[in-house]
């Protein structure tokens, strides 16, 4: 007689939930709030200060940018209203029947060198941390380094210097060098965060903007084991 086994379904946190959890742990993230309708989106944007970015909040929408679910550089209330309306129309056309929780509102961060810090749980080794150049480059170049958690400051220094894109962080062709100490601290902080939260299945900070005077995660995604 066979027995049915219940398979635990991982829980994917929203961007807002992920950033709240990371921010509470002292990891630098861009403030992000959930707006459930256009009126809230305008009110939050005005309170944060322009320019802002809007992103659709839906578990059913996989590729937000491709579906018109991301609007950047909005400068005033009118632009937020128009962006919200256009976003909802695009998403409903691309993903009919998708459940939409609203939009995330965040203040636009000043541009920096894009890096990624991620974690996935290996069946044999447990949590494994990844570092590399972020944004679309991580998929294009696959220029990343790995370490098993826990990661020390020395490990973080090695991870940064192992990637082929390290000269980008040092200052390339007249660009200002990034704050390597802040990047190292971020990697160690994420490692500590993962250790303190064993229910963590996956984590992605991408992109993180690296500056000459610090770092900040612009986008974040956390998956928890149930």
N, C-alpha and C. Protein backbone atom coordinates (compact mmCIF):
# COMPACT_ATOMS: atom_id res chain seq x y z
N UNK A 1 0.85 -1.20 0.00
CA UNK A 1 0.00 0.00 0.00
C UNK A 1 0.88 1.25 0.00
N UNK A 2 0.70 2.10 -0.99
CA UNK A 2 1.55 3.28 -1.09
C UNK A 2 1.03 4.40 -0.20
N UNK A 3 1.95 5.20 0.24
CA UNK A 3 1.61 6.35 1.08
C UNK A 3 1.98 7.62 0.36
N UNK A 4 1.09 8.58 0.39
CA UNK A 4 1.38 9.86 -0.24
C UNK A 4 2.25 10.70 0.69
N UNK A 5 3.33 11.23 0.13
CA UNK A 5 4.24 12.07 0.92
C UNK A 5 4.01 13.53 0.54
N UNK A 6 3.92 14.36 1.52
CA UNK A 6 3.75 15.78 1.28
C UNK A 6 5.10 16.42 1.00
N UNK A 7 5.21 17.07 -0.14
CA UNK A 7 6.46 17.73 -0.52
C UNK A 7 6.38 19.19 -0.10
N UNK A 8 7.35 19.62 0.69
CA UNK A 8 7.37 21.01 1.17
C UNK A 8 7.62 21.95 0.00
N UNK A 9 6.81 22.99 -0.10
CA UNK A 9 6.96 23.98 -1.15
C UNK A 9 7.72 25.19 -0.62
N UNK A 10 8.84 25.54 -1.26
CA UNK A 10 9.58 26.72 -0.79
C UNK A 10 8.73 27.98 -0.86
N UNK A 11 8.98 28.90 0.05
CA UNK A 11 8.26 30.16 0.07
C UNK A 11 9.15 31.26 -0.49
N UNK A 12 8.68 31.90 -1.54
CA UNK A 12 9.43 32.99 -2.17
C UNK A 12 8.95 34.30 -1.56
N UNK A 13 9.85 35.01 -0.87
CA UNK A 13 9.49 36.30 -0.29
C UNK A 13 9.39 37.35 -1.38
N UNK A 14 8.53 38.32 -1.17
CA UNK A 14 8.47 39.44 -2.10
C UNK A 14 9.73 40.29 -1.95
N UNK A 15 9.93 41.18 -2.91
CA UNK A 15 11.08 42.09 -2.82
C UNK A 15 11.02 42.93 -1.55
N UNK A 16 9.82 43.39 -1.21
CA UNK A 16 9.66 44.21 -0.01
C UNK A 16 10.00 43.39 1.24
N UNK A 17 9.47 42.16 1.33
CA UNK A 17 9.75 41.29 2.47
C UNK A 17 11.24 40.96 2.56
N UNK A 18 11.85 40.67 1.42
CA UNK A 18 13.27 40.32 1.40
C UNK A 18 14.12 41.48 1.90
N UNK A 19 13.82 42.68 1.43
CA UNK A 19 14.61 43.84 1.83
C UNK A 19 14.39 44.20 3.30
N UNK A 20 13.17 44.01 3.79
CA UNK A 20 12.92 44.26 5.21
C UNK A 20 13.74 43.32 6.08
N UNK A 21 13.79 42.05 5.68
CA UNK A 21 14.55 41.05 6.43
C UNK A 21 16.05 41.35 6.40
N UNK A 22 16.55 41.71 5.23
CA UNK A 22 17.98 42.02 5.09
C UNK A 22 18.34 43.31 5.81
N UNK A 23 17.49 44.33 5.67
CA UNK A 23 17.75 45.61 6.32
C UNK A 23 17.79 45.47 7.83
N UNK A 24 16.91 44.62 8.38
CA UNK A 24 16.89 44.41 9.83
C UNK A 24 18.17 43.74 10.30
N UNK A 25 18.86 43.04 9.39
CA UNK A 25 20.12 42.38 9.72
C UNK A 25 21.32 43.28 9.48
N UNK A 26 21.07 44.53 9.09
CA UNK A 26 22.17 45.47 8.89
C UNK A 26 22.79 45.43 7.52
N UNK A 27 22.16 44.73 6.58
CA UNK A 27 22.68 44.68 5.21
C UNK A 27 22.11 45.86 4.43
N UNK A 28 22.95 46.65 3.78
CA UNK A 28 22.48 47.88 3.12
C UNK A 28 21.60 47.59 1.90
N UNK A 29 20.34 48.03 1.97
CA UNK A 29 19.40 47.86 0.86
C UNK A 29 18.69 49.18 0.61
N UNK A 30 18.23 49.37 -0.61
CA UNK A 30 17.43 50.55 -0.94
C UNK A 30 16.05 50.39 -0.31
N UNK A 31 15.59 51.43 0.38
CA UNK A 31 14.26 51.38 0.99
C UNK A 31 13.21 51.11 -0.07
N UNK A 32 12.36 50.12 0.19
CA UNK A 32 11.34 49.72 -0.77
C UNK A 32 10.03 49.46 -0.03
N UNK A 33 8.94 50.03 -0.53
CA UNK A 33 7.64 49.87 0.12
C UNK A 33 6.59 49.38 -0.88
N UNK A 34 5.59 48.68 -0.37
CA UNK A 34 4.53 48.13 -1.20
C UNK A 34 3.38 49.13 -1.32
N UNK A 35 2.97 49.38 -2.56
CA UNK A 35 1.78 50.19 -2.84
C UNK A 35 0.74 49.28 -3.47
N UNK A 36 -0.46 49.22 -2.89
CA UNK A 36 -1.49 48.30 -3.37
C UNK A 36 -2.38 48.92 -4.45
N UNK A 37 -2.23 50.21 -4.66
CA UNK A 37 -3.01 50.87 -5.72
C UNK A 37 -2.28 52.13 -6.17
N UNK A 38 -2.84 52.82 -7.16
CA UNK A 38 -2.19 54.00 -7.71
C UNK A 38 -2.06 55.11 -6.68
N UNK A 39 -3.11 55.32 -5.89
CA UNK A 39 -3.09 56.38 -4.88
C UNK A 39 -1.95 56.17 -3.89
N UNK A 40 -1.77 54.93 -3.43
CA UNK A 40 -0.68 54.63 -2.50
C UNK A 40 0.68 54.80 -3.17
N UNK A 41 0.77 54.42 -4.44
CA UNK A 41 2.04 54.56 -5.17
C UNK A 41 2.47 56.02 -5.24
N UNK A 42 1.51 56.92 -5.50
CA UNK A 42 1.82 58.35 -5.56
C UNK A 42 2.22 58.87 -4.18
N UNK A 43 1.47 58.48 -3.16
CA UNK A 43 1.74 58.97 -1.80
C UNK A 43 3.11 58.51 -1.31
N UNK A 44 3.45 57.25 -1.55
CA UNK A 44 4.76 56.71 -1.12
C UNK A 44 5.88 57.38 -1.89
N UNK A 45 5.68 57.55 -3.20
CA UNK A 45 6.71 58.19 -4.05
C UNK A 45 6.99 59.61 -3.57
N UNK A 46 5.93 60.35 -3.28
CA UNK A 46 6.10 61.73 -2.83
C UNK A 46 6.82 61.78 -1.48
N UNK A 47 6.49 60.83 -0.59
CA UNK A 47 7.13 60.81 0.73
C UNK A 47 8.60 60.42 0.63
N UNK A 48 8.92 59.50 -0.27
CA UNK A 48 10.32 59.06 -0.43
C UNK A 48 11.17 60.15 -1.07
N UNK A 49 10.58 60.84 -2.02
CA UNK A 49 11.33 61.84 -2.78
C UNK A 49 11.71 61.30 -4.15
N UNK A 50 11.49 62.11 -5.17
CA UNK A 50 11.77 61.70 -6.55
C UNK A 50 13.25 61.85 -6.87
N UNK A 51 13.74 61.08 -7.86
CA UNK A 51 13.05 60.11 -8.72
C UNK A 51 12.87 58.75 -8.04
N UNK A 52 11.86 58.00 -8.53
CA UNK A 52 11.56 56.68 -7.97
C UNK A 52 11.45 55.65 -9.08
N UNK A 53 11.43 54.38 -8.67
CA UNK A 53 11.20 53.26 -9.58
C UNK A 53 10.00 52.47 -9.09
N UNK A 54 9.20 51.95 -10.02
CA UNK A 54 8.09 51.07 -9.69
C UNK A 54 8.35 49.70 -10.29
N UNK A 55 7.99 48.65 -9.54
CA UNK A 55 8.08 47.27 -10.05
C UNK A 55 6.83 46.52 -9.65
N UNK A 56 6.27 45.78 -10.59
CA UNK A 56 5.07 45.02 -10.29
C UNK A 56 5.38 43.94 -9.25
N UNK A 57 4.45 43.71 -8.35
CA UNK A 57 4.60 42.69 -7.31
C UNK A 57 3.63 41.55 -7.62
N UNK A 58 4.16 40.46 -8.15
CA UNK A 58 3.34 39.31 -8.50
C UNK A 58 4.20 38.06 -8.57
N UNK A 59 3.76 37.00 -7.92
CA UNK A 59 4.47 35.72 -7.99
C UNK A 59 4.31 35.09 -9.36
N UNK A 60 3.30 35.51 -10.11
CA UNK A 60 3.01 34.91 -11.41
C UNK A 60 3.81 35.54 -12.55
N UNK A 61 4.43 36.68 -12.29
CA UNK A 61 5.20 37.38 -13.33
C UNK A 61 6.68 37.09 -13.14
N UNK A 62 7.23 36.30 -14.05
CA UNK A 62 8.62 35.87 -13.91
C UNK A 62 9.58 36.93 -14.42
N UNK A 63 9.40 37.36 -15.66
CA UNK A 63 10.30 38.35 -16.27
C UNK A 63 9.61 39.71 -16.27
N UNK A 64 9.76 40.44 -15.18
CA UNK A 64 9.04 41.70 -14.99
C UNK A 64 9.39 42.73 -16.06
N UNK A 65 10.68 42.90 -16.33
CA UNK A 65 11.11 43.92 -17.29
C UNK A 65 10.56 43.64 -18.68
N UNK A 66 10.64 42.38 -19.12
CA UNK A 66 10.19 42.01 -20.46
C UNK A 66 8.69 42.24 -20.62
N UNK A 67 7.94 42.13 -19.51
CA UNK A 67 6.49 42.28 -19.58
C UNK A 67 6.02 43.71 -19.29
N UNK A 68 6.97 44.64 -19.19
CA UNK A 68 6.61 46.03 -18.92
C UNK A 68 6.30 46.28 -17.46
N UNK A 69 6.82 45.42 -16.58
CA UNK A 69 6.52 45.54 -15.16
C UNK A 69 7.53 46.32 -14.36
N UNK A 70 8.42 47.05 -15.02
CA UNK A 70 9.41 47.88 -14.32
C UNK A 70 9.44 49.26 -14.97
N UNK A 71 9.31 50.30 -14.16
CA UNK A 71 9.37 51.69 -14.65
C UNK A 71 10.39 52.44 -13.81
N UNK A 72 11.36 53.05 -14.47
CA UNK A 72 12.48 53.69 -13.77
C UNK A 72 12.49 55.20 -13.99
N UNK A 73 13.12 55.90 -13.05
CA UNK A 73 13.38 57.32 -13.22
C UNK A 73 12.15 58.21 -13.25
N UNK A 74 11.12 57.85 -12.51
CA UNK A 74 9.89 58.66 -12.50
C UNK A 74 10.10 59.91 -11.65
N UNK A 75 9.74 61.07 -12.22
CA UNK A 75 10.15 62.34 -11.64
C UNK A 75 9.07 63.10 -10.88
N UNK A 76 7.81 62.69 -11.02
CA UNK A 76 6.73 63.44 -10.36
C UNK A 76 5.48 62.58 -10.25
N UNK A 77 4.44 63.13 -9.58
CA UNK A 77 3.20 62.39 -9.36
C UNK A 77 2.56 61.93 -10.66
N UNK A 78 2.53 62.82 -11.64
CA UNK A 78 1.89 62.50 -12.91
C UNK A 78 2.58 61.32 -13.60
N UNK A 79 3.90 61.31 -13.58
CA UNK A 79 4.63 60.20 -14.20
C UNK A 79 4.37 58.89 -13.48
N UNK A 80 4.24 58.93 -12.15
CA UNK A 80 3.94 57.72 -11.39
C UNK A 80 2.56 57.19 -11.78
N UNK A 81 1.57 58.08 -11.89
CA UNK A 81 0.22 57.66 -12.26
C UNK A 81 0.22 57.01 -13.65
N UNK A 82 0.88 57.65 -14.62
CA UNK A 82 0.92 57.11 -15.97
C UNK A 82 1.67 55.78 -16.01
N UNK A 83 2.79 55.70 -15.27
CA UNK A 83 3.58 54.47 -15.23
C UNK A 83 2.79 53.33 -14.60
N UNK A 84 2.05 53.64 -13.55
CA UNK A 84 1.25 52.61 -12.87
C UNK A 84 0.20 52.05 -13.82
N UNK A 85 -0.51 52.94 -14.50
CA UNK A 85 -1.56 52.51 -15.43
C UNK A 85 -0.98 51.68 -16.57
N UNK A 86 0.13 52.15 -17.14
CA UNK A 86 0.76 51.43 -18.25
C UNK A 86 1.27 50.06 -17.80
N UNK A 87 1.81 50.02 -16.59
CA UNK A 87 2.34 48.77 -16.05
C UNK A 87 1.23 47.73 -15.88
N UNK A 88 0.11 48.14 -15.28
CA UNK A 88 -0.99 47.21 -15.06
C UNK A 88 -1.54 46.68 -16.39
N UNK A 89 -1.64 47.56 -17.40
CA UNK A 89 -2.14 47.15 -18.72
C UNK A 89 -1.19 46.15 -19.37
N UNK A 90 0.11 46.41 -19.27
CA UNK A 90 1.11 45.53 -19.88
C UNK A 90 1.11 44.15 -19.23
N UNK A 91 1.05 44.14 -17.90
CA UNK A 91 1.10 42.87 -17.18
C UNK A 91 -0.14 42.04 -17.47
N UNK A 92 -1.30 42.68 -17.49
CA UNK A 92 -2.54 41.94 -17.75
C UNK A 92 -2.56 41.38 -19.17
N UNK A 93 -1.90 42.08 -20.09
CA UNK A 93 -1.83 41.58 -21.47
C UNK A 93 -0.84 40.42 -21.59
N UNK A 94 0.30 40.54 -20.90
CA UNK A 94 1.34 39.52 -20.99
C UNK A 94 1.05 38.30 -20.12
N UNK A 95 0.40 38.53 -18.97
CA UNK A 95 0.10 37.44 -18.03
C UNK A 95 -1.38 37.50 -17.64
N UNK A 96 -2.27 37.10 -18.55
CA UNK A 96 -3.70 37.13 -18.22
C UNK A 96 -4.00 36.26 -17.00
N UNK A 97 -4.75 36.80 -16.07
CA UNK A 97 -5.10 36.02 -14.88
C UNK A 97 -4.06 36.03 -13.78
N UNK A 98 -2.95 36.73 -13.98
CA UNK A 98 -1.91 36.79 -12.95
C UNK A 98 -2.41 37.52 -11.71
N UNK A 99 -2.07 37.02 -10.55
CA UNK A 99 -2.40 37.72 -9.31
C UNK A 99 -1.42 38.85 -9.07
N UNK A 100 -1.91 40.05 -8.88
CA UNK A 100 -1.04 41.22 -8.70
C UNK A 100 -1.29 41.80 -7.31
N UNK A 101 -0.24 41.87 -6.51
CA UNK A 101 -0.35 42.40 -5.15
C UNK A 101 -0.25 43.92 -5.09
N UNK A 102 0.27 44.51 -6.17
CA UNK A 102 0.49 45.94 -6.22
C UNK A 102 1.83 46.21 -6.88
N UNK A 103 2.50 47.27 -6.47
CA UNK A 103 3.82 47.59 -7.00
C UNK A 103 4.76 47.94 -5.84
N UNK A 104 6.03 47.66 -6.04
CA UNK A 104 7.02 48.14 -5.08
C UNK A 104 7.48 49.51 -5.52
N UNK A 105 7.68 50.39 -4.56
CA UNK A 105 8.16 51.75 -4.83
C UNK A 105 9.51 51.91 -4.13
N UNK A 106 10.49 52.34 -4.88
CA UNK A 106 11.80 52.59 -4.27
C UNK A 106 12.43 53.81 -4.91
N UNK A 107 13.20 54.52 -4.11
CA UNK A 107 13.89 55.70 -4.63
C UNK A 107 15.03 55.24 -5.53
N UNK A 108 15.23 55.91 -6.63
CA UNK A 108 16.31 55.56 -7.55
C UNK A 108 17.65 55.74 -6.86
N UNK A 109 18.49 54.72 -6.92
CA UNK A 109 19.83 54.80 -6.37
C UNK A 109 20.78 55.36 -7.43
N UNK A 110 21.79 56.09 -6.98
CA UNK A 110 22.77 56.60 -7.96
C UNK A 110 23.52 55.42 -8.57
N UNK A 111 23.85 55.48 -9.85
CA UNK A 111 24.51 54.35 -10.52
C UNK A 111 25.86 54.03 -9.90
N UNK A 112 26.23 52.76 -9.98
CA UNK A 112 27.52 52.30 -9.51
C UNK A 112 27.91 51.07 -10.30
N UNK A 113 29.02 50.47 -9.94
CA UNK A 113 29.43 49.21 -10.57
C UNK A 113 28.50 48.11 -10.04
N UNK A 114 27.90 47.36 -10.94
CA UNK A 114 26.92 46.34 -10.54
C UNK A 114 27.61 45.03 -10.18
N UNK A 115 27.35 44.57 -8.96
CA UNK A 115 27.87 43.28 -8.51
C UNK A 115 26.70 42.43 -8.01
N UNK A 116 26.98 41.15 -7.80
CA UNK A 116 25.97 40.23 -7.27
C UNK A 116 26.55 39.45 -6.10
N UNK A 117 25.74 39.26 -5.08
CA UNK A 117 26.07 38.35 -3.99
C UNK A 117 24.88 37.42 -3.84
N UNK A 118 25.12 36.12 -3.94
CA UNK A 118 24.03 35.17 -3.89
C UNK A 118 24.37 33.97 -3.03
N UNK A 119 23.34 33.19 -2.72
CA UNK A 119 23.52 31.96 -1.95
C UNK A 119 22.55 30.91 -2.45
N UNK A 120 23.03 29.69 -2.57
CA UNK A 120 22.17 28.55 -2.85
C UNK A 120 22.61 27.41 -1.94
N UNK A 121 21.67 26.53 -1.64
CA UNK A 121 21.96 25.44 -0.70
C UNK A 121 22.29 24.17 -1.47
N UNK A 122 23.53 23.73 -1.34
CA UNK A 122 23.99 22.51 -1.99
C UNK A 122 23.61 21.30 -1.13
N UNK A 123 23.08 20.22 -1.74
CA UNK A 123 22.67 19.05 -0.96
C UNK A 123 23.79 18.44 -0.13
N UNK A 124 25.03 18.56 -0.62
CA UNK A 124 26.17 17.95 0.08
C UNK A 124 26.89 18.93 1.00
N UNK A 125 27.13 20.15 0.51
CA UNK A 125 27.97 21.10 1.25
C UNK A 125 27.18 22.12 2.05
N UNK A 126 25.89 22.20 1.83
CA UNK A 126 25.09 23.20 2.52
C UNK A 126 25.15 24.54 1.81
N UNK A 127 24.95 25.65 2.53
CA UNK A 127 24.92 26.97 1.88
C UNK A 127 26.25 27.32 1.21
N UNK A 128 26.16 27.74 -0.04
CA UNK A 128 27.34 28.15 -0.81
C UNK A 128 27.12 29.59 -1.28
N UNK A 129 28.10 30.45 -1.01
CA UNK A 129 28.00 31.86 -1.36
C UNK A 129 28.65 32.11 -2.72
N UNK A 130 28.06 33.01 -3.48
CA UNK A 130 28.58 33.37 -4.80
C UNK A 130 28.80 34.87 -4.87
N UNK A 131 29.85 35.28 -5.58
CA UNK A 131 30.12 36.70 -5.82
C UNK A 131 30.53 36.87 -7.27
N UNK A 132 30.15 38.00 -7.86
CA UNK A 132 30.59 38.29 -9.22
C UNK A 132 30.09 39.65 -9.67
N UNK A 133 30.35 39.98 -10.93
CA UNK A 133 29.79 41.19 -11.51
C UNK A 133 28.30 40.95 -11.71
N UNK A 134 27.47 41.97 -11.45
CA UNK A 134 26.03 41.78 -11.43
C UNK A 134 25.30 42.26 -12.66
N UNK A 135 23.99 42.46 -12.50
CA UNK A 135 23.15 42.86 -13.62
C UNK A 135 23.09 41.77 -14.67
N UNK A 136 22.99 42.16 -15.93
CA UNK A 136 22.93 41.18 -17.02
C UNK A 136 24.28 40.49 -17.23
N UNK A 137 25.37 41.08 -16.72
CA UNK A 137 26.70 40.52 -16.94
C UNK A 137 26.86 39.15 -16.29
N UNK A 138 26.16 38.91 -15.20
CA UNK A 138 26.33 37.63 -14.51
C UNK A 138 25.86 36.48 -15.40
N UNK A 139 24.81 36.70 -16.18
CA UNK A 139 24.32 35.66 -17.09
C UNK A 139 25.18 35.58 -18.34
N UNK A 140 25.68 36.72 -18.78
CA UNK A 140 26.45 36.77 -20.02
C UNK A 140 27.86 36.22 -19.83
N UNK A 141 28.55 36.67 -18.77
CA UNK A 141 29.95 36.32 -18.58
C UNK A 141 30.17 35.12 -17.65
N UNK A 142 29.21 34.90 -16.74
CA UNK A 142 29.35 33.82 -15.74
C UNK A 142 30.70 33.93 -15.02
N UNK A 143 31.08 35.16 -14.72
CA UNK A 143 32.36 35.45 -14.05
C UNK A 143 32.11 35.55 -12.55
N UNK A 144 32.11 34.41 -11.87
CA UNK A 144 31.74 34.37 -10.46
C UNK A 144 32.72 33.49 -9.67
N UNK A 145 32.71 33.69 -8.35
CA UNK A 145 33.52 32.87 -7.45
C UNK A 145 32.60 32.33 -6.35
N UNK A 146 33.02 31.23 -5.72
CA UNK A 146 32.19 30.55 -4.73
C UNK A 146 32.98 30.22 -3.47
N UNK A 147 32.28 30.20 -2.32
CA UNK A 147 32.83 29.71 -1.06
C UNK A 147 31.69 29.07 -0.25
N UNK A 148 32.06 28.07 0.53
CA UNK A 148 31.10 27.45 1.43
C UNK A 148 30.97 28.32 2.68
N UNK A 149 29.73 28.53 3.12
CA UNK A 149 29.45 29.29 4.34
C UNK A 149 29.90 28.47 5.55
N UNK A 150 30.55 29.07 6.57
CA UNK A 150 30.75 30.51 6.78
C UNK A 150 31.94 31.06 5.99
N UNK A 151 31.79 32.32 5.58
CA UNK A 151 32.82 33.01 4.81
C UNK A 151 33.49 34.06 5.69
N UNK A 152 34.82 34.00 5.77
CA UNK A 152 35.59 34.95 6.57
C UNK A 152 35.96 36.17 5.74
N UNK A 153 36.51 37.16 6.39
CA UNK A 153 36.98 38.37 5.68
C UNK A 153 38.05 38.00 4.66
N UNK A 154 38.94 37.09 5.03
CA UNK A 154 39.99 36.65 4.11
C UNK A 154 39.37 35.95 2.90
N UNK A 155 38.36 35.09 3.14
CA UNK A 155 37.66 34.42 2.04
C UNK A 155 37.05 35.45 1.09
N UNK A 156 36.42 36.47 1.68
CA UNK A 156 35.77 37.52 0.88
C UNK A 156 36.78 38.25 0.01
N UNK A 157 37.94 38.54 0.57
CA UNK A 157 39.00 39.20 -0.20
C UNK A 157 39.41 38.35 -1.39
N UNK A 158 39.53 37.04 -1.16
CA UNK A 158 39.91 36.13 -2.25
C UNK A 158 38.81 36.04 -3.31
N UNK A 159 37.56 35.97 -2.87
CA UNK A 159 36.45 35.86 -3.82
C UNK A 159 36.42 37.05 -4.77
N UNK A 160 36.63 38.24 -4.22
CA UNK A 160 36.60 39.45 -5.04
C UNK A 160 37.71 39.44 -6.07
N UNK A 161 38.88 39.00 -5.65
CA UNK A 161 40.06 39.04 -6.53
C UNK A 161 40.14 37.88 -7.51
N UNK A 162 39.31 36.86 -7.33
CA UNK A 162 39.33 35.71 -8.23
C UNK A 162 38.61 35.96 -9.54
N UNK A 163 37.66 36.87 -9.56
CA UNK A 163 36.90 37.06 -10.79
C UNK A 163 37.73 37.84 -11.82
N UNK A 164 37.48 37.55 -13.08
CA UNK A 164 38.21 38.22 -14.16
C UNK A 164 37.87 39.71 -14.23
N UNK A 165 36.70 40.06 -13.74
CA UNK A 165 36.28 41.45 -13.78
C UNK A 165 36.80 42.30 -12.63
N UNK A 166 37.71 41.78 -11.83
CA UNK A 166 38.24 42.53 -10.68
C UNK A 166 38.76 43.91 -11.05
N UNK A 167 39.43 44.08 -12.23
CA UNK A 167 39.88 45.43 -12.60
C UNK A 167 38.75 46.46 -12.65
N UNK A 168 37.52 46.02 -12.93
CA UNK A 168 36.37 46.94 -12.93
C UNK A 168 36.18 47.54 -11.54
N UNK A 169 36.47 46.77 -10.51
CA UNK A 169 36.29 47.22 -9.13
C UNK A 169 37.46 48.09 -8.67
N UNK A 170 38.60 47.92 -9.30
CA UNK A 170 39.79 48.70 -8.93
C UNK A 170 39.77 50.10 -9.53
N UNK A 171 38.90 50.30 -10.52
CA UNK A 171 38.90 51.57 -11.26
C UNK A 171 39.48 51.31 -12.63
N UNK A 172 38.62 51.35 -13.65
CA UNK A 172 39.02 50.96 -15.00
C UNK A 172 38.89 52.14 -15.95
N UNK A 173 39.99 52.48 -16.62
CA UNK A 173 40.01 53.56 -17.60
C UNK A 173 39.45 54.86 -17.05
N UNK A 174 39.97 55.26 -15.93
CA UNK A 174 39.60 56.55 -15.37
C UNK A 174 38.44 56.52 -14.40
N UNK A 175 37.73 55.40 -14.30
CA UNK A 175 36.63 55.32 -13.34
C UNK A 175 37.18 55.21 -11.93
N UNK A 176 36.40 55.65 -10.96
CA UNK A 176 36.86 55.64 -9.58
C UNK A 176 36.82 54.22 -9.01
N UNK A 177 37.80 53.84 -8.19
CA UNK A 177 37.80 52.50 -7.60
C UNK A 177 36.65 52.33 -6.62
N UNK A 178 36.14 51.10 -6.56
CA UNK A 178 35.05 50.79 -5.63
C UNK A 178 35.60 50.58 -4.23
N UNK A 179 34.73 50.69 -3.26
CA UNK A 179 35.08 50.50 -1.85
C UNK A 179 35.17 48.99 -1.58
N UNK A 180 36.38 48.43 -1.75
CA UNK A 180 36.56 46.99 -1.61
C UNK A 180 36.25 46.51 -0.20
N UNK A 181 36.56 47.34 0.79
CA UNK A 181 36.28 46.97 2.17
C UNK A 181 34.78 46.82 2.39
N UNK A 182 33.99 47.70 1.79
CA UNK A 182 32.54 47.62 1.93
C UNK A 182 32.00 46.37 1.23
N UNK A 183 32.59 46.01 0.09
CA UNK A 183 32.17 44.79 -0.62
C UNK A 183 32.50 43.56 0.22
N UNK A 184 33.70 43.54 0.80
CA UNK A 184 34.09 42.43 1.66
C UNK A 184 33.15 42.30 2.86
N UNK A 185 32.83 43.43 3.46
CA UNK A 185 31.92 43.41 4.62
C UNK A 185 30.53 42.91 4.23
N UNK A 186 30.09 43.28 3.02
CA UNK A 186 28.79 42.81 2.54
C UNK A 186 28.78 41.29 2.41
N UNK A 187 29.83 40.75 1.81
CA UNK A 187 29.92 39.29 1.63
C UNK A 187 29.89 38.58 2.98
N UNK A 188 30.66 39.08 3.94
CA UNK A 188 30.70 38.47 5.27
C UNK A 188 29.35 38.62 5.97
N UNK A 189 28.72 39.77 5.81
CA UNK A 189 27.41 40.01 6.44
C UNK A 189 26.36 39.06 5.89
N UNK A 190 26.39 38.83 4.58
CA UNK A 190 25.44 37.89 3.97
C UNK A 190 25.70 36.48 4.48
N UNK A 191 26.96 36.11 4.59
CA UNK A 191 27.32 34.80 5.14
C UNK A 191 26.78 34.64 6.57
N UNK A 192 26.98 35.66 7.40
CA UNK A 192 26.48 35.62 8.78
C UNK A 192 24.95 35.53 8.79
N UNK A 193 24.31 36.28 7.90
CA UNK A 193 22.85 36.29 7.80
C UNK A 193 22.33 34.89 7.46
N UNK A 194 22.99 34.22 6.53
CA UNK A 194 22.59 32.87 6.12
C UNK A 194 22.78 31.89 7.27
N UNK A 195 23.89 32.03 8.00
CA UNK A 195 24.14 31.14 9.14
C UNK A 195 23.07 31.29 10.22
N UNK A 196 22.62 32.52 10.44
CA UNK A 196 21.61 32.77 11.48
C UNK A 196 20.21 32.38 11.04
N UNK A 197 20.05 32.13 9.75
CA UNK A 197 18.73 31.77 9.22
C UNK A 197 18.84 30.47 8.42
N UNK A 198 18.90 29.34 9.10
CA UNK A 198 19.09 28.05 8.42
C UNK A 198 17.94 27.67 7.49
N UNK A 199 16.80 28.36 7.61
CA UNK A 199 15.67 28.08 6.72
C UNK A 199 15.86 28.70 5.34
N UNK A 200 16.98 29.41 5.15
CA UNK A 200 17.26 30.06 3.88
C UNK A 200 17.62 29.02 2.82
N UNK A 201 16.91 29.04 1.70
CA UNK A 201 17.18 28.10 0.60
C UNK A 201 17.96 28.78 -0.53
N UNK A 202 17.53 30.00 -0.87
CA UNK A 202 18.21 30.78 -1.90
C UNK A 202 18.19 32.25 -1.51
N UNK A 203 19.20 32.97 -1.98
CA UNK A 203 19.26 34.41 -1.75
C UNK A 203 19.99 35.04 -2.92
N UNK A 204 19.44 36.15 -3.42
CA UNK A 204 20.09 36.88 -4.50
C UNK A 204 20.02 38.37 -4.23
N UNK A 205 21.15 39.02 -4.21
CA UNK A 205 21.24 40.47 -4.20
C UNK A 205 21.82 40.86 -5.56
N UNK A 206 20.95 41.31 -6.47
CA UNK A 206 21.40 41.61 -7.82
C UNK A 206 20.42 42.56 -8.52
N UNK A 207 20.92 43.78 -8.85
CA UNK A 207 22.29 44.20 -8.64
C UNK A 207 22.49 44.85 -7.27
N UNK A 208 23.75 44.80 -6.85
CA UNK A 208 24.24 45.65 -5.77
C UNK A 208 25.08 46.73 -6.43
N UNK A 209 24.84 47.98 -6.10
CA UNK A 209 25.66 49.06 -6.64
C UNK A 209 26.85 49.27 -5.70
N UNK A 210 28.04 49.15 -6.27
CA UNK A 210 29.27 49.38 -5.52
C UNK A 210 29.79 50.77 -5.87
N UNK A 211 30.05 51.57 -4.84
CA UNK A 211 30.54 52.94 -5.00
C UNK A 211 31.95 53.05 -4.43
N UNK A 212 32.51 54.25 -4.56
CA UNK A 212 33.80 54.50 -3.93
C UNK A 212 33.65 54.67 -2.42
N UNK A 213 32.38 54.78 -1.97
CA UNK A 213 32.15 55.02 -0.54
C UNK A 213 31.02 54.14 0.01
N UNK A 214 30.99 52.88 -0.40
CA UNK A 214 29.99 51.97 0.15
C UNK A 214 29.30 51.13 -0.91
N UNK A 215 28.28 50.40 -0.48
CA UNK A 215 27.49 49.55 -1.38
C UNK A 215 26.03 49.63 -0.96
N UNK A 216 25.12 49.30 -1.90
CA UNK A 216 23.70 49.20 -1.56
C UNK A 216 23.04 48.21 -2.52
N UNK A 217 22.22 47.32 -1.97
CA UNK A 217 21.49 46.35 -2.79
C UNK A 217 20.24 47.00 -3.35
N UNK A 218 20.10 46.99 -4.67
CA UNK A 218 18.96 47.60 -5.33
C UNK A 218 17.81 46.60 -5.45
N UNK A 219 18.13 45.34 -5.70
CA UNK A 219 17.12 44.30 -5.82
C UNK A 219 17.51 43.12 -4.94
N UNK A 220 16.52 42.44 -4.38
CA UNK A 220 16.78 41.33 -3.47
C UNK A 220 15.70 40.28 -3.61
N UNK A 221 16.11 39.02 -3.48
CA UNK A 221 15.16 37.91 -3.55
C UNK A 221 15.59 36.84 -2.56
N UNK A 222 14.65 36.39 -1.74
CA UNK A 222 14.92 35.35 -0.77
C UNK A 222 13.89 34.23 -0.92
N UNK A 223 14.37 32.99 -0.89
CA UNK A 223 13.51 31.81 -0.91
C UNK A 223 13.75 31.04 0.39
N UNK A 224 12.67 30.75 1.11
CA UNK A 224 12.75 30.02 2.37
C UNK A 224 12.25 28.59 2.21
N UNK A 225 12.87 27.68 2.93
CA UNK A 225 12.38 26.31 2.99
C UNK A 225 11.24 26.23 3.97
N UNK A 226 10.20 25.51 3.63
CA UNK A 226 9.07 25.31 4.54
C UNK A 226 9.27 24.06 5.40
